[in-house]
Amino acid sequence: MKKAYIDPNICDRSPFCPAKRVCPTGAITQEVKLFGASTPKVDQNKCIGCGKCAQICPQRAIKMI
């Protein structure tokens, strides 16, 4: 089964990441800091491979592998 992976070189680290909001299982999390945010991370145990995050990512930083 394919799973989502986020390329940290492409991701813009926006604290308003749309992929976090569309993930039906909450597999994508991100630590928001005082001066920005970290690259979102995918919990592979929660990811069901639906691809919704990859479809909505404006930077196309999420790939289904």
PDB file of N, CA and C in Angstrom:
ATOM      1  N   MET A   1       0.838  -1.179   0.000  1.00  0.00           N
ATOM      2  CA  MET A   1       0.000   0.000   0.000  1.00  0.00           C
ATOM      3  C   MET A   1       0.882   1.242   0.000  1.00  0.00           C
ATOM      4  N   LYS A   2       0.476   2.239  -0.767  1.00  0.00           N
ATOM      5  CA  LYS A   2       1.219   3.497  -0.821  1.00  0.00           C
ATOM      6  C   LYS A   2       0.980   4.299   0.446  1.00  0.00           C
ATOM      7  N   LYS A   3       1.993   5.059   0.828  1.00  0.00           N
ATOM      8  CA  LYS A   3       1.921   5.931   2.002  1.00  0.00           C
ATOM      9  C   LYS A   3       2.419   7.311   1.600  1.00  0.00           C
ATOM     10  N   ALA A   4       2.003   8.330   2.345  1.00  0.00           N
ATOM     11  CA  ALA A   4       2.412   9.706   2.065  1.00  0.00           C
ATOM     12  C   ALA A   4       3.794   9.990   2.646  1.00  0.00           C
ATOM     13  N   TYR A   5       4.605  10.692   1.873  1.00  0.00           N
ATOM     14  CA  TYR A   5       5.916  11.165   2.317  1.00  0.00           C
ATOM     15  C   TYR A   5       6.040  12.631   1.948  1.00  0.00           C
ATOM     16  N   ILE A   6       6.575  13.429   2.857  1.00  0.00           N
ATOM     17  CA  ILE A   6       6.727  14.863   2.625  1.00  0.00           C
ATOM     18  C   ILE A   6       8.184  15.173   2.354  1.00  0.00           C
ATOM     19  N   ASP A   7       8.457  15.827   1.226  1.00  0.00           N
ATOM     20  CA  ASP A   7       9.815  16.234   0.879  1.00  0.00           C
ATOM     21  C   ASP A   7      10.115  17.544   1.597  1.00  0.00           C
ATOM     22  N   PRO A   8      11.004  17.538   2.587  1.00  0.00           N
ATOM     23  CA  PRO A   8      11.289  18.759   3.349  1.00  0.00           C
ATOM     24  C   PRO A   8      11.970  19.847   2.526  1.00  0.00           C
ATOM     25  N   ASN A   9      12.531  19.488   1.372  1.00  0.00           N
ATOM     26  CA  ASN A   9      13.174  20.480   0.511  1.00  0.00           C
ATOM     27  C   ASN A   9      12.169  21.272  -0.313  1.00  0.00           C
ATOM     28  N   ILE A  10      10.968  20.747  -0.443  1.00  0.00           N
ATOM     29  CA  ILE A  10       9.923  21.408  -1.235  1.00  0.00           C
ATOM     30  C   ILE A  10       8.884  22.075  -0.344  1.00  0.00           C
ATOM     31  N   CYS A  11       8.586  21.478   0.801  1.00  0.00           N
ATOM     32  CA  CYS A  11       7.558  21.985   1.713  1.00  0.00           C
ATOM     33  C   CYS A  11       7.897  23.403   2.184  1.00  0.00           C
ATOM     34  N   ASP A  12       6.890  24.290   2.193  1.00  0.00           N
ATOM     35  CA  ASP A  12       7.128  25.668   2.635  1.00  0.00           C
ATOM     36  C   ASP A  12       6.935  25.853   4.147  1.00  0.00           C
ATOM     37  N   ARG A  13       6.563  24.791   4.856  1.00  0.00           N
ATOM     38  CA  ARG A  13       6.425  24.774   6.319  1.00  0.00           C
ATOM     39  C   ARG A  13       5.374  25.756   6.839  1.00  0.00           C
ATOM     40  N   SER A  14       4.376  26.026   6.043  1.00  0.00           N
ATOM     41  CA  SER A  14       3.313  26.932   6.464  1.00  0.00           C
ATOM     42  C   SER A  14       2.560  26.355   7.657  1.00  0.00           C
ATOM     43  N   PRO A  15       2.323  27.180   8.689  1.00  0.00           N
ATOM     44  CA  PRO A  15       1.530  26.689   9.822  1.00  0.00           C
ATOM     45  C   PRO A  15       0.066  26.465   9.441  1.00  0.00           C
ATOM     46  N   PHE A  16      -0.319  26.898   8.256  1.00  0.00           N
ATOM     47  CA  PHE A  16      -1.693  26.729   7.765  1.00  0.00           C
ATOM     48  C   PHE A  16      -1.767  25.614   6.726  1.00  0.00           C
ATOM     49  N   CYS A  17      -0.894  24.638   6.832  1.00  0.00           N
ATOM     50  CA  CYS A  17      -0.784  23.511   5.901  1.00  0.00           C
ATOM     51  C   CYS A  17      -2.153  22.889   5.620  1.00  0.00           C
ATOM     52  N   PRO A  18      -2.624  22.950   4.369  1.00  0.00           N
ATOM     53  CA  PRO A  18      -3.934  22.377   4.060  1.00  0.00           C
ATOM     54  C   PRO A  18      -3.955  20.855   4.151  1.00  0.00           C
ATOM     55  N   ALA A  19      -2.818  20.221   3.968  1.00  0.00           N
ATOM     56  CA  ALA A  19      -2.765  18.757   4.029  1.00  0.00           C
ATOM     57  C   ALA A  19      -3.117  18.245   5.420  1.00  0.00           C
ATOM     58  N   LYS A  20      -2.745  18.997   6.444  1.00  0.00           N
ATOM     59  CA  LYS A  20      -3.090  18.599   7.816  1.00  0.00           C
ATOM     60  C   LYS A  20      -4.603  18.570   7.996  1.00  0.00           C
ATOM     61  N   ARG A  21      -5.284  19.531   7.387  1.00  0.00           N
ATOM     62  CA  ARG A  21      -6.727  19.655   7.572  1.00  0.00           C
ATOM     63  C   ARG A  21      -7.522  18.590   6.824  1.00  0.00           C
ATOM     64  N   VAL A  22      -7.000  18.110   5.676  1.00  0.00           N
ATOM     65  CA  VAL A  22      -7.780  17.153   4.887  1.00  0.00           C
ATOM     66  C   VAL A  22      -7.498  15.697   5.246  1.00  0.00           C
ATOM     67  N   CYS A  23      -6.463  15.433   6.011  1.00  0.00           N
ATOM     68  CA  CYS A  23      -6.131  14.049   6.358  1.00  0.00           C
ATOM     69  C   CYS A  23      -7.236  13.456   7.241  1.00  0.00           C
ATOM     70  N   PRO A  24      -7.909  12.409   6.766  1.00  0.00           N
ATOM     71  CA  PRO A  24      -9.035  11.854   7.522  1.00  0.00           C
ATOM     72  C   PRO A  24      -8.622  11.114   8.797  1.00  0.00           C
ATOM     73  N   THR A  25      -7.354  10.744   8.914  1.00  0.00           N
ATOM     74  CA  THR A  25      -6.921   9.991  10.093  1.00  0.00           C
ATOM     75  C   THR A  25      -6.039  10.809  11.031  1.00  0.00           C
ATOM     76  N   GLY A  26      -5.741  12.065  10.668  1.00  0.00           N
ATOM     77  CA  GLY A  26      -4.875  12.889  11.502  1.00  0.00           C
ATOM     78  C   GLY A  26      -3.430  12.434  11.470  1.00  0.00           C
ATOM     79  N   ALA A  27      -3.026  11.807  10.372  1.00  0.00           N
ATOM     80  CA  ALA A  27      -1.663  11.279  10.265  1.00  0.00           C
ATOM     81  C   ALA A  27      -0.615  12.372  10.087  1.00  0.00           C
ATOM     82  N   ILE A  28      -1.023  13.550   9.653  1.00  0.00           N
ATOM     83  CA  ILE A  28      -0.066  14.637   9.422  1.00  0.00           C
ATOM     84  C   ILE A  28      -0.096  15.596  10.604  1.00  0.00           C
ATOM     85  N   THR A  29       1.064  15.788  11.203  1.00  0.00           N
ATOM     86  CA  THR A  29       1.202  16.706  12.329  1.00  0.00           C
ATOM     87  C   THR A  29       2.338  17.667  12.050  1.00  0.00           C
ATOM     88  N   GLN A  30       2.325  18.781  12.773  1.00  0.00           N
ATOM     89  CA  GLN A  30       3.354  19.800  12.584  1.00  0.00           C
ATOM     90  C   GLN A  30       3.535  20.567  13.875  1.00  0.00           C
ATOM     91  N   GLU A  31       4.777  20.755  14.244  1.00  0.00           N
ATOM     92  CA  GLU A  31       5.086  21.539  15.430  1.00  0.00           C
ATOM     93  C   GLU A  31       5.177  23.012  15.026  1.00  0.00           C
ATOM     94  N   VAL A  32       4.346  23.839  15.635  1.00  0.00           N
ATOM     95  CA  VAL A  32       4.359  25.272  15.352  1.00  0.00           C
ATOM     96  C   VAL A  32       5.168  25.957  16.446  1.00  0.00           C
ATOM     97  N   LYS A  33       6.164  26.714  16.015  1.00  0.00           N
ATOM     98  CA  LYS A  33       7.056  27.391  16.950  1.00  0.00           C
ATOM     99  C   LYS A  33       6.789  28.888  16.930  1.00  0.00           C
ATOM    100  N   LEU A  34       7.433  29.602  17.816  1.00  0.00           N
ATOM    101  CA  LEU A  34       7.242  31.039  17.919  1.00  0.00           C
ATOM    102  C   LEU A  34       7.572  31.765  16.612  1.00  0.00           C
ATOM    103  N   PHE A  35       8.633  31.364  15.947  1.00  0.00           N
ATOM    104  CA  PHE A  35       9.047  32.033  14.715  1.00  0.00           C
ATOM    105  C   PHE A  35       8.918  31.130  13.504  1.00  0.00           C
ATOM    106  N   GLY A  36       7.785  30.474  13.364  1.00  0.00           N
ATOM    107  CA  GLY A  36       7.554  29.625  12.207  1.00  0.00           C
ATOM    108  C   GLY A  36       7.071  28.250  12.608  1.00  0.00           C
ATOM    109  N   ALA A  37       7.212  27.333  11.697  1.00  0.00           N
ATOM    110  CA  ALA A  37       6.737  25.976  11.936  1.00  0.00           C
ATOM    111  C   ALA A  37       7.739  24.984  11.364  1.00  0.00           C
ATOM    112  N   SER A  38       7.692  23.781  11.887  1.00  0.00           N
ATOM    113  CA  SER A  38       8.557  22.727  11.381  1.00  0.00           C
ATOM    114  C   SER A  38       7.904  22.095  10.154  1.00  0.00           C
ATOM    115  N   THR A  39       8.669  21.273   9.456  1.00  0.00           N
ATOM    116  CA  THR A  39       8.110  20.537   8.330  1.00  0.00           C
ATOM    117  C   THR A  39       7.086  19.546   8.875  1.00  0.00           C
ATOM    118  N   PRO A  40       5.914  19.478   8.270  1.00  0.00           N
ATOM    119  CA  PRO A  40       4.924  18.501   8.724  1.00  0.00           C
ATOM    120  C   PRO A  40       5.486  17.083   8.634  1.00  0.00           C
ATOM    121  N   LYS A  41       5.000  16.222   9.494  1.00  0.00           N
ATOM    122  CA  LYS A  41       5.440  14.829   9.507  1.00  0.00           C
ATOM    123  C   LYS A  41       4.230  13.927   9.315  1.00  0.00           C
ATOM    124  N   VAL A  42       4.480  12.778   8.688  1.00  0.00           N
ATOM    125  CA  VAL A  42       3.425  11.799   8.454  1.00  0.00           C
ATOM    126  C   VAL A  42       3.662  10.599   9.368  1.00  0.00           C
ATOM    127  N   ASP A  43       2.670  10.262  10.166  1.00  0.00           N
ATOM    128  CA  ASP A  43       2.714   9.063  10.984  1.00  0.00           C
ATOM    129  C   ASP A  43       2.314   7.898  10.073  1.00  0.00           C
ATOM    130  N   GLN A  44       3.292   7.101   9.699  1.00  0.00           N
ATOM    131  CA  GLN A  44       3.051   6.014   8.754  1.00  0.00           C
ATOM    132  C   GLN A  44       2.066   4.969   9.293  1.00  0.00           C
ATOM    133  N   ASN A  45       1.947   4.878  10.601  1.00  0.00           N
ATOM    134  CA  ASN A  45       0.999   3.930  11.190  1.00  0.00           C
ATOM    135  C   ASN A  45      -0.448   4.406  11.045  1.00  0.00           C
ATOM    136  N   LYS A  46      -0.636   5.702  10.929  1.00  0.00           N
ATOM    137  CA  LYS A  46      -1.987   6.260  10.774  1.00  0.00           C
ATOM    138  C   LYS A  46      -2.379   6.478   9.311  1.00  0.00           C
ATOM    139  N   CYS A  47      -1.379   6.655   8.448  1.00  0.00           N
ATOM    140  CA  CYS A  47      -1.642   6.938   7.029  1.00  0.00           C
ATOM    141  C   CYS A  47      -2.319   5.735   6.373  1.00  0.00           C
ATOM    142  N   ILE A  48      -3.452   6.005   5.703  1.00  0.00           N
ATOM    143  CA  ILE A  48      -4.183   4.938   5.017  1.00  0.00           C
ATOM    144  C   ILE A  48      -3.959   4.974   3.504  1.00  0.00           C
ATOM    145  N   GLY A  49      -3.127   5.906   3.037  1.00  0.00           N
ATOM    146  CA  GLY A  49      -2.783   5.963   1.628  1.00  0.00           C
ATOM    147  C   GLY A  49      -3.861   6.512   0.721  1.00  0.00           C
ATOM    148  N   CYS A  50      -4.756   7.339   1.253  1.00  0.00           N
ATOM    149  CA  CYS A  50      -5.865   7.858   0.447  1.00  0.00           C
ATOM    150  C   CYS A  50      -5.413   8.899  -0.587  1.00  0.00           C
ATOM    151  N   GLY A  51      -4.307   9.605  -0.314  1.00  0.00           N
ATOM    152  CA  GLY A  51      -3.768  10.573  -1.260  1.00  0.00           C
ATOM    153  C   GLY A  51      -4.390  11.956  -1.216  1.00  0.00           C
ATOM    154  N   LYS A  52      -5.321  12.194  -0.293  1.00  0.00           N
ATOM    155  CA  LYS A  52      -5.963  13.509  -0.218  1.00  0.00           C
ATOM    156  C   LYS A  52      -4.940  14.606   0.065  1.00  0.00           C
ATOM    157  N   CYS A  53      -3.972  14.309   0.905  1.00  0.00           N
ATOM    158  CA  CYS A  53      -2.943  15.295   1.251  1.00  0.00           C
ATOM    159  C   CYS A  53      -2.106  15.667   0.029  1.00  0.00           C
ATOM    160  N   ALA A  54      -1.740  14.673  -0.772  1.00  0.00           N
ATOM    161  CA  ALA A  54      -0.922  14.918  -1.965  1.00  0.00           C
ATOM    162  C   ALA A  54      -1.695  15.745  -2.993  1.00  0.00           C
ATOM    163  N   GLN A  55      -3.000  15.525  -3.080  1.00  0.00           N
ATOM    164  CA  GLN A  55      -3.821  16.261  -4.033  1.00  0.00           C
ATOM    165  C   GLN A  55      -3.945  17.733  -3.675  1.00  0.00           C
ATOM    166  N   ILE A  56      -3.970  18.045  -2.380  1.00  0.00           N
ATOM    167  CA  ILE A  56      -4.227  19.424  -1.959  1.00  0.00           C
ATOM    168  C   ILE A  56      -2.959  20.231  -1.687  1.00  0.00           C
ATOM    169  N   CYS A  57      -1.817  19.579  -1.551  1.00  0.00           N
ATOM    170  CA  CYS A  57      -0.572  20.290  -1.226  1.00  0.00           C
ATOM    171  C   CYS A  57      -0.215  21.279  -2.342  1.00  0.00           C
ATOM    172  N   PRO A  58      -0.188  22.600  -2.034  1.00  0.00           N
ATOM    173  CA  PRO A  58       0.079  23.597  -3.075  1.00  0.00           C
ATOM    174  C   PRO A  58       1.508  23.543  -3.619  1.00  0.00           C
ATOM    175  N   GLN A  59       2.455  23.033  -2.847  1.00  0.00           N
ATOM    176  CA  GLN A  59       3.843  22.941  -3.300  1.00  0.00           C
ATOM    177  C   GLN A  59       4.156  21.585  -3.925  1.00  0.00           C
ATOM    178  N   ARG A  60       3.197  20.668  -3.889  1.00  0.00           N
ATOM    179  CA  ARG A  60       3.396  19.296  -4.371  1.00  0.00           C
ATOM    180  C   ARG A  60       4.575  18.627  -3.667  1.00  0.00           C
ATOM    181  N   ALA A  61       4.678  18.901  -2.365  1.00  0.00           N
ATOM    182  CA  ALA A  61       5.757  18.350  -1.559  1.00  0.00           C
ATOM    183  C   ALA A  61       5.420  16.955  -1.031  1.00  0.00           C
ATOM    184  N   ILE A  62       4.176  16.527  -1.194  1.00  0.00           N
ATOM    185  CA  ILE A  62       3.760  15.221  -0.684  1.00  0.00           C
ATOM    186  C   ILE A  62       3.641  14.248  -1.847  1.00  0.00           C
ATOM    187  N   LYS A  63       4.306  13.128  -1.686  1.00  0.00           N
ATOM    188  CA  LYS A  63       4.294  12.069  -2.702  1.00  0.00           C
ATOM    189  C   LYS A  63       3.735  10.801  -2.080  1.00  0.00           C
ATOM    190  N   MET A  64       3.054  10.037  -2.877  1.00  0.00           N
ATOM    191  CA  MET A  64       2.550   8.741  -2.435  1.00  0.00           C
ATOM    192  C   MET A  64       3.516   7.683  -2.932  1.00  0.00           C
ATOM    193  N   ILE A  65       4.178   7.025  -1.987  1.00  0.00           N
ATOM    194  CA  ILE A  65       5.203   6.028  -2.348  1.00  0.00           C
ATOM    195  C   ILE A  65       4.826   4.694  -1.725  1.00  0.00           C
TER     196      ILE A  65
END
